[in-house]
N, C-alpha and C. Protein backbone atom coordinates (compact mmCIF):
# COMPACT_ATOMS: atom_id res chain seq x y z
N MET A 1 112.96 89.27 118.52
CA MET A 1 114.07 90.11 118.14
C MET A 1 113.69 91.57 118.34
N ILE A 2 114.68 92.36 118.62
CA ILE A 2 114.47 93.79 118.78
C ILE A 2 115.26 94.51 117.69
N PHE A 3 114.59 95.40 116.97
CA PHE A 3 115.21 96.20 115.93
C PHE A 3 115.00 97.68 116.24
N ASN A 4 116.02 98.47 116.02
CA ASN A 4 115.87 99.92 116.10
C ASN A 4 115.19 100.40 114.83
N VAL A 5 114.35 101.42 114.97
CA VAL A 5 113.70 102.01 113.82
C VAL A 5 113.87 103.53 113.87
N VAL A 6 113.73 104.15 112.71
CA VAL A 6 113.81 105.60 112.59
C VAL A 6 112.45 106.10 112.15
N VAL A 7 111.85 106.98 112.97
CA VAL A 7 110.55 107.56 112.66
C VAL A 7 110.77 109.01 112.22
N THR A 8 110.20 109.36 111.07
CA THR A 8 110.37 110.70 110.52
C THR A 8 109.00 111.28 110.20
N PRO A 9 108.71 112.49 110.70
CA PRO A 9 107.45 113.13 110.31
C PRO A 9 107.46 113.45 108.82
N ASP A 10 106.34 113.21 108.17
CA ASP A 10 106.21 113.55 106.75
C ASP A 10 105.53 114.91 106.66
N ILE A 11 106.33 115.95 106.53
CA ILE A 11 105.84 117.32 106.55
C ILE A 11 104.88 117.59 105.39
N GLU A 12 105.18 117.08 104.21
CA GLU A 12 104.37 117.38 103.03
C GLU A 12 103.04 116.63 103.02
N GLU A 13 103.07 115.35 103.34
CA GLU A 13 101.87 114.51 103.24
C GLU A 13 101.15 114.34 104.57
N GLY A 14 101.83 114.64 105.67
CA GLY A 14 101.28 114.37 106.99
C GLY A 14 101.60 112.94 107.39
N GLY A 15 101.44 112.62 108.63
CA GLY A 15 101.75 111.29 109.12
C GLY A 15 103.23 111.10 109.34
N PHE A 16 103.65 109.85 109.35
CA PHE A 16 105.03 109.51 109.68
C PHE A 16 105.52 108.38 108.77
N THR A 17 106.79 108.45 108.41
CA THR A 17 107.44 107.33 107.75
C THR A 17 108.37 106.68 108.77
N VAL A 18 108.61 105.41 108.59
CA VAL A 18 109.47 104.69 109.53
C VAL A 18 110.27 103.65 108.75
N SER A 19 111.52 103.50 109.14
CA SER A 19 112.39 102.52 108.48
C SER A 19 113.20 101.77 109.52
N CYS A 20 113.72 100.63 109.10
CA CYS A 20 114.55 99.79 109.96
C CYS A 20 115.94 99.71 109.32
N PRO A 21 116.91 100.46 109.85
CA PRO A 21 118.25 100.49 109.24
C PRO A 21 118.91 99.11 109.13
N ALA A 22 118.61 98.20 110.04
CA ALA A 22 119.22 96.87 110.00
C ALA A 22 118.69 96.02 108.85
N LEU A 23 117.56 96.42 108.28
CA LEU A 23 116.94 95.67 107.18
C LEU A 23 116.73 96.62 106.01
N PRO A 24 117.74 96.81 105.17
CA PRO A 24 117.61 97.74 104.05
C PRO A 24 116.36 97.44 103.21
N GLY A 25 115.64 98.49 102.90
CA GLY A 25 114.42 98.34 102.12
C GLY A 25 113.18 98.10 102.95
N CYS A 26 113.33 97.99 104.26
CA CYS A 26 112.20 97.74 105.15
C CYS A 26 111.68 99.09 105.66
N HIS A 27 110.58 99.54 105.07
CA HIS A 27 109.99 100.84 105.38
C HIS A 27 108.49 100.69 105.54
N SER A 28 107.90 101.66 106.24
CA SER A 28 106.45 101.70 106.33
C SER A 28 106.04 103.13 106.65
N GLN A 29 104.76 103.30 106.92
CA GLN A 29 104.24 104.63 107.24
C GLN A 29 102.96 104.50 108.03
N GLY A 30 102.49 105.62 108.55
CA GLY A 30 101.22 105.64 109.26
C GLY A 30 100.80 107.07 109.52
N GLU A 31 99.52 107.26 109.78
CA GLU A 31 99.02 108.60 110.05
C GLU A 31 99.42 109.07 111.44
N THR A 32 99.63 108.14 112.37
CA THR A 32 100.10 108.46 113.72
C THR A 32 101.38 107.67 113.98
N ILE A 33 102.11 108.08 115.01
CA ILE A 33 103.32 107.33 115.35
C ILE A 33 102.95 105.89 115.72
N GLU A 34 101.88 105.72 116.46
CA GLU A 34 101.46 104.38 116.86
C GLU A 34 101.15 103.51 115.64
N GLU A 35 100.43 104.07 114.68
CA GLU A 35 100.11 103.31 113.47
C GLU A 35 101.38 102.99 112.68
N ALA A 36 102.29 103.95 112.58
CA ALA A 36 103.54 103.72 111.86
C ALA A 36 104.35 102.61 112.53
N LEU A 37 104.39 102.60 113.86
CA LEU A 37 105.14 101.56 114.57
C LEU A 37 104.48 100.19 114.41
N ASP A 38 103.15 100.15 114.46
CA ASP A 38 102.46 98.88 114.21
C ASP A 38 102.77 98.37 112.80
N ASN A 39 102.75 99.28 111.84
CA ASN A 39 103.00 98.89 110.45
C ASN A 39 104.44 98.42 110.24
N ILE A 40 105.41 99.06 110.89
CA ILE A 40 106.80 98.62 110.70
C ILE A 40 107.02 97.27 111.37
N ARG A 41 106.31 96.99 112.45
CA ARG A 41 106.42 95.65 113.05
C ARG A 41 106.02 94.58 112.03
N ASP A 42 104.92 94.83 111.33
CA ASP A 42 104.49 93.89 110.30
C ASP A 42 105.51 93.80 109.17
N ALA A 43 106.05 94.95 108.76
CA ALA A 43 107.04 94.96 107.68
C ALA A 43 108.31 94.22 108.09
N ILE A 44 108.75 94.42 109.34
CA ILE A 44 109.94 93.73 109.83
C ILE A 44 109.71 92.23 109.84
N SER A 45 108.55 91.80 110.30
CA SER A 45 108.23 90.37 110.30
C SER A 45 108.31 89.80 108.89
N GLY A 46 107.76 90.52 107.93
CA GLY A 46 107.81 90.06 106.55
C GLY A 46 109.22 90.01 106.00
N CYS A 47 110.02 91.03 106.30
CA CYS A 47 111.41 91.05 105.82
C CYS A 47 112.21 89.90 106.42
N VAL A 48 112.05 89.66 107.71
CA VAL A 48 112.78 88.58 108.37
C VAL A 48 112.35 87.23 107.80
N GLU A 49 111.05 87.08 107.55
CA GLU A 49 110.55 85.83 106.96
C GLU A 49 111.18 85.57 105.59
N VAL A 50 111.25 86.60 104.77
CA VAL A 50 111.87 86.46 103.44
C VAL A 50 113.35 86.10 103.56
N LEU A 51 114.06 86.78 104.45
CA LEU A 51 115.48 86.49 104.64
C LEU A 51 115.69 85.05 105.13
N ASN A 52 114.83 84.58 106.02
CA ASN A 52 114.93 83.20 106.50
C ASN A 52 114.68 82.21 105.37
N ARG A 53 113.69 82.47 104.54
CA ARG A 53 113.41 81.58 103.40
C ARG A 53 114.59 81.53 102.44
N ARG A 54 115.16 82.69 102.17
CA ARG A 54 116.31 82.74 101.26
C ARG A 54 117.48 81.95 101.83
N ALA A 55 117.69 82.05 103.14
CA ALA A 55 118.79 81.32 103.77
C ALA A 55 118.55 79.82 103.68
N LEU A 56 117.30 79.38 103.83
CA LEU A 56 116.98 77.96 103.75
C LEU A 56 117.09 77.42 102.33
N ASP A 57 116.88 78.28 101.35
CA ASP A 57 116.94 77.86 99.94
C ASP A 57 118.36 77.69 99.43
N ARG A 58 119.33 78.10 100.19
CA ARG A 58 120.74 78.01 99.72
C ARG A 58 121.26 76.62 99.83
């Protein structure tokens, strides 16, 4: 699956925050853009896994 993400520089703390608008509550961060993108990939996988489990439990 392909998800759009929003990467925002964190001016106060340094690094970057990243979120996935299609998955509310799915956020991550990293010291570099590359690290932030790697981290959001993991977060997206976890969010999708939880959503799939919830769908199966219905």
